[in-house]
């Protein structure tokens, strides 16, 4: 094998075209999933202070954004609700309402923009008065009753037209139950994207502001979300979810867990996604706004790191602006 001075690795870095030609990892618009927040109150568009550039959208504005995303070549959007406080309850009943905000939004998108995929969150935290992802008895999160509720919610959202249901609650056994619920309701073609390795992270704050759960949350979620110290358990979670019928798996948050992403992809070779969560996005936006970092550059670098780690797709609030840049450069 040649060594310096015969071998000079900088030869292949001399020009832009050469760097592009030998790039080992590529980021494409098809890798992006747009993260969106739909609201049932207020104007069509409401800024979210802790998520600069992101807005709570009415269904009308959401459909417009879905069309914009589809026109840019973004394959899918992931939908999260901000519902009125008076619709939240201990039993999260609104989550299973077939005429609720999310199923109405799904129907509107699929009617107006049928060529974009719709991924729906299957979780109870936007609907519970206590802000947790599960039903509660005293201070305890109830696993099995929550799973039964999630199965019902998943089938209802599939009936509304969702293409992919994404259980994000981290209850044991929920993938099998959701899959069974989908199949029993005749939705055998609806896929499951499991939040298989979702960590109890400090990076979720702006999202909780966006969906209105920050003030409501009692305690924390460490009894069901994963300990950030663990990777072996993440592999076990993924193994279980795949065995129960998950078609795709996801790691959340993203950048602090690139090692987890890489290990999952290497071990299972199944479609693997990352969620670039609200805190990751907000940090980069804040640093860019203050002139501390070049936002466009670090956003692209962060997304490339997900691809390099093995991701097949990335959920990000920045999907539209990134797609515009990629289309411009391509």
Protein backbone atom coordinates (compact mmCIF):
# COMPACT_ATOMS: atom_id res chain seq x y z
CA UNK A 1 0.00 0.00 0.00
CA UNK A 2 1.37 3.39 -0.99
CA UNK A 3 2.34 5.85 1.74
CA UNK A 4 3.29 9.53 1.77
CA UNK A 5 4.70 11.12 -0.35
CA UNK A 6 3.46 8.78 -3.12
CA UNK A 7 0.00 8.72 -1.49
CA UNK A 8 -1.49 12.15 -0.79
CA UNK A 9 -5.05 11.94 0.47
CA UNK A 10 -5.57 15.65 -0.18
CA UNK A 11 -5.52 15.00 -3.94
CA UNK A 12 -9.19 14.01 -3.79
CA UNK A 13 -10.15 17.14 -1.84
CA UNK A 14 -8.78 19.74 -4.26
CA UNK A 15 -11.99 20.79 -6.02
CA UNK A 16 -15.71 20.86 -5.32
CA UNK A 17 -16.54 18.46 -8.15
CA UNK A 18 -13.94 15.98 -6.96
CA UNK A 19 -15.14 16.10 -3.35
CA UNK A 20 -18.67 15.44 -4.56
CA UNK A 21 -17.57 12.64 -6.85
CA UNK A 22 -15.86 10.64 -4.08
CA UNK A 23 -18.32 11.43 -1.27
CA UNK A 24 -19.12 8.30 0.71
CA UNK A 25 -22.45 9.56 2.07
CA UNK A 26 -25.14 11.53 0.28
CA UNK A 27 -28.12 13.48 1.57
CA UNK A 28 -31.19 13.63 -0.65
CA UNK A 29 -34.61 15.23 -0.38
CA UNK A 30 -36.05 11.71 -0.21
CA UNK A 31 -34.28 11.25 3.14
CA UNK A 32 -36.41 13.97 4.78
CA UNK A 33 -39.66 13.71 6.72
CA UNK A 34 -41.26 17.05 7.58
CA UNK A 35 -42.27 17.44 11.22
CA UNK A 36 -45.50 19.46 11.54
CA UNK A 37 -47.74 20.76 14.33
CA UNK A 38 -51.48 21.08 13.69
CA UNK A 39 -53.70 23.15 15.99
CA UNK A 40 -57.45 23.38 16.50
CA UNK A 41 -57.52 27.00 17.71
CA UNK A 42 -56.38 30.46 16.74
CA UNK A 43 -55.16 31.86 13.42
CA UNK A 44 -53.98 29.72 10.54
CA UNK A 45 -50.35 30.18 11.56
CA UNK A 46 -49.01 30.83 15.07
CA UNK A 47 -45.28 31.18 15.73
CA UNK A 48 -43.74 28.93 18.40
CA UNK A 49 -41.15 31.08 20.25
CA UNK A 50 -38.95 28.14 21.31
CA UNK A 51 -38.99 26.72 17.76
CA UNK A 52 -37.96 29.62 15.49
CA UNK A 53 -39.35 29.19 11.99
CA UNK A 54 -41.94 26.58 13.08
CA UNK A 55 -45.62 27.37 13.45
CA UNK A 56 -48.74 25.76 14.79
CA UNK A 57 -50.92 25.35 11.72
CA UNK A 58 -54.63 25.16 11.14
CA UNK A 59 -55.77 22.28 8.95
CA UNK A 60 -56.02 24.71 6.02
CA UNK A 61 -52.45 25.94 6.53
CA UNK A 62 -51.24 22.38 7.10
CA UNK A 63 -52.63 21.30 3.73
CA UNK A 64 -50.80 24.24 2.12
CA UNK A 65 -47.56 23.17 3.80
CA UNK A 66 -48.10 19.56 2.73
CA UNK A 67 -48.43 20.73 -0.88
CA UNK A 68 -45.25 22.77 -0.56
CA UNK A 69 -43.41 19.76 0.82
CA UNK A 70 -44.71 17.49 -1.93
CA UNK A 71 -43.70 19.99 -4.60
CA UNK A 72 -40.16 19.95 -3.18
CA UNK A 73 -40.02 16.15 -3.35
CA UNK A 74 -40.28 15.49 0.40
CA UNK A 75 -41.85 12.02 0.59
CA UNK A 76 -43.76 12.29 3.87
CA UNK A 77 -44.74 14.44 6.81
CA UNK A 78 -45.15 13.50 10.47
CA UNK A 79 -48.14 15.03 12.19
CA UNK A 80 -48.40 16.12 15.85
CA UNK A 81 -51.39 17.85 17.45
CA UNK A 82 -51.90 20.83 19.71
CA UNK A 83 -55.44 20.48 21.03
CA UNK A 84 -57.46 22.75 23.28
CA UNK A 85 -56.96 22.30 27.01
CA UNK A 86 -60.65 21.58 27.53
CA UNK A 87 -60.31 18.48 25.33
CA UNK A 88 -57.59 16.95 27.50
CA UNK A 89 -58.55 14.45 30.16
CA UNK A 90 -57.19 11.80 32.50
CA UNK A 91 -58.34 9.04 30.14
CA UNK A 92 -57.18 10.74 26.90
CA UNK A 93 -60.55 10.00 25.30
CA UNK A 94 -60.03 12.60 22.57
CA UNK A 95 -57.14 10.53 21.20
CA UNK A 96 -59.66 7.97 19.92
CA UNK A 97 -62.18 10.47 18.52
CA UNK A 98 -62.61 9.69 14.79
CA UNK A 99 -63.75 13.28 14.26
CA UNK A 100 -60.84 14.75 16.21
CA UNK A 101 -58.16 17.13 15.01
CA UNK A 102 -55.64 14.58 13.72
CA UNK A 103 -58.00 12.32 11.75
CA UNK A 104 -59.63 15.41 10.21
CA UNK A 105 -56.16 16.71 9.28
CA UNK A 106 -55.19 13.36 7.79
CA UNK A 107 -58.33 13.26 5.66
CA UNK A 108 -57.74 16.81 4.46
CA UNK A 109 -54.13 16.13 3.48
CA UNK A 110 -54.88 12.86 1.69
CA UNK A 111 -57.70 14.51 -0.26
CA UNK A 112 -55.70 17.57 -1.34
CA UNK A 113 -52.17 16.13 -1.57
CA UNK A 114 -52.56 12.38 -2.15
CA UNK A 115 -48.96 11.94 -3.27
CA UNK A 116 -47.40 12.74 0.12
CA UNK A 117 -47.13 10.15 2.85
CA UNK A 118 -48.75 10.87 6.21
CA UNK A 119 -47.15 9.53 9.39
CA UNK A 120 -49.20 9.88 12.56
CA UNK A 121 -48.03 9.79 16.14
CA UNK A 122 -49.75 7.10 18.20
CA UNK A 123 -49.37 8.41 21.74
CA UNK A 124 -51.58 9.83 24.44
CA UNK A 125 -49.50 12.72 25.81
CA UNK A 126 -51.10 15.43 23.63
CA UNK A 127 -54.48 14.33 25.00
CA UNK A 128 -53.83 13.63 28.70
CA UNK A 129 -54.40 16.29 31.33
CA UNK A 130 -51.25 15.08 33.11
CA UNK A 131 -48.99 15.18 30.03
CA UNK A 132 -47.86 11.55 30.15
CA UNK A 133 -47.82 9.06 27.28
CA UNK A 134 -49.84 6.55 29.25
CA UNK A 135 -52.92 6.26 31.39
CA UNK A 136 -52.26 6.74 35.10
CA UNK A 137 -53.37 5.33 38.43
CA UNK A 138 -52.04 7.57 41.14
CA UNK A 139 -48.39 8.13 40.22
CA UNK A 140 -48.09 4.92 38.19
CA UNK A 141 -48.19 4.74 34.38
CA UNK A 142 -50.40 1.79 33.46
CA UNK A 143 -48.79 -0.25 30.70
CA UNK A 144 -51.49 -2.68 29.54
CA UNK A 145 -54.53 -0.35 29.59
CA UNK A 146 -52.43 2.18 27.67
CA UNK A 147 -51.51 -0.45 25.08
CA UNK A 148 -55.18 -1.34 24.58
CA UNK A 149 -55.98 2.34 24.03
CA UNK A 150 -53.10 2.76 21.57
CA UNK A 151 -54.31 -0.19 19.51
CA UNK A 152 -57.69 1.49 19.18
CA UNK A 153 -56.12 4.84 18.27
CA UNK A 154 -53.86 3.29 15.62
CA UNK A 155 -56.78 1.59 13.85
CA UNK A 156 -58.81 4.81 13.96
CA UNK A 157 -56.00 6.85 12.39
CA UNK A 158 -55.48 4.22 9.70
CA UNK A 159 -59.19 4.42 8.92
CA UNK A 160 -58.78 8.19 8.48
CA UNK A 161 -56.15 7.55 5.81
CA UNK A 162 -52.80 7.53 7.60
CA UNK A 163 -50.12 5.66 5.67
CA UNK A 164 -47.83 4.96 8.63
CA UNK A 165 -48.66 4.82 12.33
CA UNK A 166 -45.83 5.59 14.73
CA UNK A 167 -46.25 4.47 18.34
CA UNK A 168 -44.03 6.74 20.44
CA UNK A 169 -45.13 5.86 23.96
CA UNK A 170 -42.50 3.25 24.91
CA UNK A 171 -45.03 0.92 26.59
CA UNK A 172 -44.08 -2.76 26.52
CA UNK A 173 -45.99 -4.80 23.96
CA UNK A 174 -47.59 -1.93 22.11
CA UNK A 175 -46.29 -2.83 18.64
CA UNK A 176 -47.91 -6.26 18.69
CA UNK A 177 -51.17 -4.76 19.91
CA UNK A 178 -51.18 -1.96 17.32
CA UNK A 179 -50.35 -4.42 14.53
CA UNK A 180 -53.16 -6.71 15.63
CA UNK A 181 -55.56 -3.79 15.83
CA UNK A 182 -54.65 -2.66 12.32
CA UNK A 183 -55.00 -6.15 10.88
CA UNK A 184 -58.30 -6.84 12.62
CA UNK A 185 -59.67 -3.58 11.15
CA UNK A 186 -58.55 -4.54 7.64
CA UNK A 187 -55.58 -2.15 7.48
CA UNK A 188 -52.96 -4.77 6.69
CA UNK A 189 -51.09 -2.42 4.33
CA UNK A 190 -50.61 0.34 6.90
CA UNK A 191 -47.02 0.29 8.11
CA UNK A 192 -45.69 0.75 11.64
CA UNK A 193 -42.74 3.04 12.34
CA UNK A 194 -41.83 2.27 15.94
CA UNK A 195 -40.12 4.76 18.21
CA UNK A 196 -38.16 1.74 19.30
CA UNK A 197 -35.37 3.55 21.16
CA UNK A 198 -36.83 6.72 22.66
CA UNK A 199 -34.70 8.15 25.42
CA UNK A 200 -35.73 10.18 28.48
CA UNK A 201 -34.05 13.28 27.11
CA UNK A 202 -33.69 16.93 27.96
CA UNK A 203 -33.95 17.80 24.27
CA UNK A 204 -37.77 17.65 24.07
CA UNK A 205 -38.60 20.98 25.74
CA UNK A 206 -39.59 23.07 22.70
CA UNK A 207 -41.80 20.28 21.37
CA UNK A 208 -43.70 20.16 24.65
CA UNK A 209 -44.21 23.91 24.29
CA UNK A 210 -45.47 23.35 20.75
CA UNK A 211 -48.11 20.77 21.70
CA UNK A 212 -49.00 22.39 25.01
CA UNK A 213 -47.87 19.72 27.47
CA UNK A 214 -45.00 21.52 29.26
CA UNK A 215 -47.13 23.02 32.03
CA UNK A 216 -49.28 19.92 32.42
CA UNK A 217 -46.55 17.30 32.79
CA UNK A 218 -46.40 15.88 36.29
CA UNK A 219 -43.05 14.37 37.18
CA UNK A 220 -40.96 12.90 34.38
CA UNK A 221 -41.06 10.02 31.91
CA UNK A 222 -38.11 7.96 33.11
CA UNK A 223 -40.16 4.90 34.07
CA UNK A 224 -40.97 4.24 30.41
CA UNK A 225 -38.57 6.23 28.23
CA UNK A 226 -35.04 4.86 28.06
CA UNK A 227 -32.04 5.75 30.21
CA UNK A 228 -29.58 7.77 28.07
CA UNK A 229 -26.76 5.67 29.55
CA UNK A 230 -27.92 2.47 27.85
CA UNK A 231 -27.30 1.03 24.39
CA UNK A 232 -27.74 -2.72 24.96
CA UNK A 233 -31.32 -2.10 26.06
CA UNK A 234 -31.90 -0.07 22.89
CA UNK A 235 -30.95 -3.11 20.84
CA UNK A 236 -33.32 -5.27 22.89
CA UNK A 237 -36.14 -2.75 22.39
CA UNK A 238 -35.59 -2.80 18.63
CA UNK A 239 -35.39 -6.59 18.54
CA UNK A 240 -38.69 -6.88 20.41
CA UNK A 241 -40.46 -4.31 18.24
CA UNK A 242 -39.34 -6.00 15.03
CA UNK A 243 -40.48 -9.35 16.38
CA UNK A 244 -43.87 -7.81 17.22
CA UNK A 245 -44.36 -6.50 13.68
CA UNK A 246 -42.65 -3.11 13.32
CA UNK A 247 -41.79 -2.36 9.69
CA UNK A 248 -39.36 0.44 10.55
CA UNK A 249 -37.66 1.64 13.72
CA UNK A 250 -36.60 5.03 14.98
CA UNK A 251 -34.15 6.50 17.47
CA UNK A 252 -35.13 9.67 19.34
CA UNK A 253 -33.38 12.08 19.87
CA UNK A 254 -30.94 12.00 17.00
CA UNK A 255 -27.46 13.49 17.25
CA UNK A 256 -26.71 12.50 20.88
CA UNK A 257 -27.47 8.89 19.88
CA UNK A 258 -25.57 8.37 16.62
CA UNK A 259 -23.84 5.37 18.17
CA UNK A 260 -27.22 3.80 18.89
CA UNK A 261 -28.34 4.40 15.30
CA UNK A 262 -25.19 2.82 13.91
CA UNK A 263 -25.47 -0.20 16.21
CA UNK A 264 -29.12 -0.78 15.30
CA UNK A 265 -28.47 -0.56 11.57
CA UNK A 266 -25.48 -2.89 11.81
CA UNK A 267 -27.35 -5.44 13.94
CA UNK A 268 -30.71 -5.56 12.18
CA UNK A 269 -30.29 -4.07 8.67
CA UNK A 270 -33.86 -2.81 8.73
CA UNK A 271 -35.22 0.65 7.78
CA UNK A 272 -33.88 2.91 10.51
CA UNK A 273 -34.91 6.52 11.16
CA UNK A 274 -33.77 9.30 13.45
CA UNK A 275 -35.83 12.11 14.90
CA UNK A 276 -33.93 15.38 14.93
CA UNK A 277 -35.94 16.65 17.87
CA UNK A 278 -37.04 20.13 18.82
CA UNK A 279 -34.12 20.83 21.14
CA UNK A 280 -31.57 19.91 18.48
CA UNK A 281 -33.28 22.14 15.93
CA UNK A 282 -33.78 25.03 18.39
CA UNK A 283 -30.11 25.00 19.46
CA UNK A 284 -28.91 25.32 15.89
CA UNK A 285 -31.45 28.04 15.12
CA UNK A 286 -30.43 30.01 18.21
CA UNK A 287 -26.71 29.70 17.46
CA UNK A 288 -27.33 30.83 13.89
CA UNK A 289 -29.51 33.77 14.92
CA UNK A 290 -26.80 34.97 17.31
CA UNK A 291 -24.04 34.68 14.72
CA UNK A 292 -22.21 32.03 16.71
CA UNK A 293 -22.48 29.35 14.01
CA UNK A 294 -23.45 29.14 10.34
CA UNK A 295 -26.93 27.62 10.67
CA UNK A 296 -27.27 26.35 7.09
CA UNK A 297 -23.90 24.66 7.28
CA UNK A 298 -24.37 22.97 10.65
CA UNK A 299 -27.88 21.82 9.76
CA UNK A 300 -26.59 20.08 6.64
CA UNK A 301 -23.67 18.65 8.62
CA UNK A 302 -26.00 17.28 11.30
CA UNK A 303 -28.29 15.63 8.75
CA UNK A 304 -25.29 14.12 6.97
CA UNK A 305 -24.18 12.65 10.30
CA UNK A 306 -27.48 10.76 10.52
CA UNK A 307 -26.97 9.34 7.05
CA UNK A 308 -23.38 8.39 7.84
CA UNK A 309 -24.56 6.57 10.97
CA UNK A 310 -26.91 4.48 8.84
CA UNK A 311 -30.25 6.30 8.79
CA UNK A 312 -32.65 5.69 5.93
CA UNK A 313 -34.66 8.77 6.83
CA UNK A 314 -34.72 11.74 9.20
CA UNK A 315 -37.67 13.48 10.82
CA UNK A 316 -36.82 17.18 11.04
CA UNK A 317 -38.51 20.54 11.46
CA UNK A 318 -36.05 21.87 8.88
CA UNK A 319 -37.19 19.61 6.02
CA UNK A 320 -38.60 22.36 3.80
CA UNK A 321 -35.63 24.72 4.04
CA UNK A 322 -33.20 21.83 3.60
CA UNK A 323 -35.11 20.51 0.59
CA UNK A 324 -35.00 23.98 -0.97
CA UNK A 325 -31.22 24.08 -0.53
CA UNK A 326 -30.71 20.57 -1.85
CA UNK A 327 -32.88 21.24 -4.91
CA UNK A 328 -31.01 24.47 -5.57
CA UNK A 329 -27.60 22.82 -5.31
CA UNK A 330 -28.69 19.74 -7.26
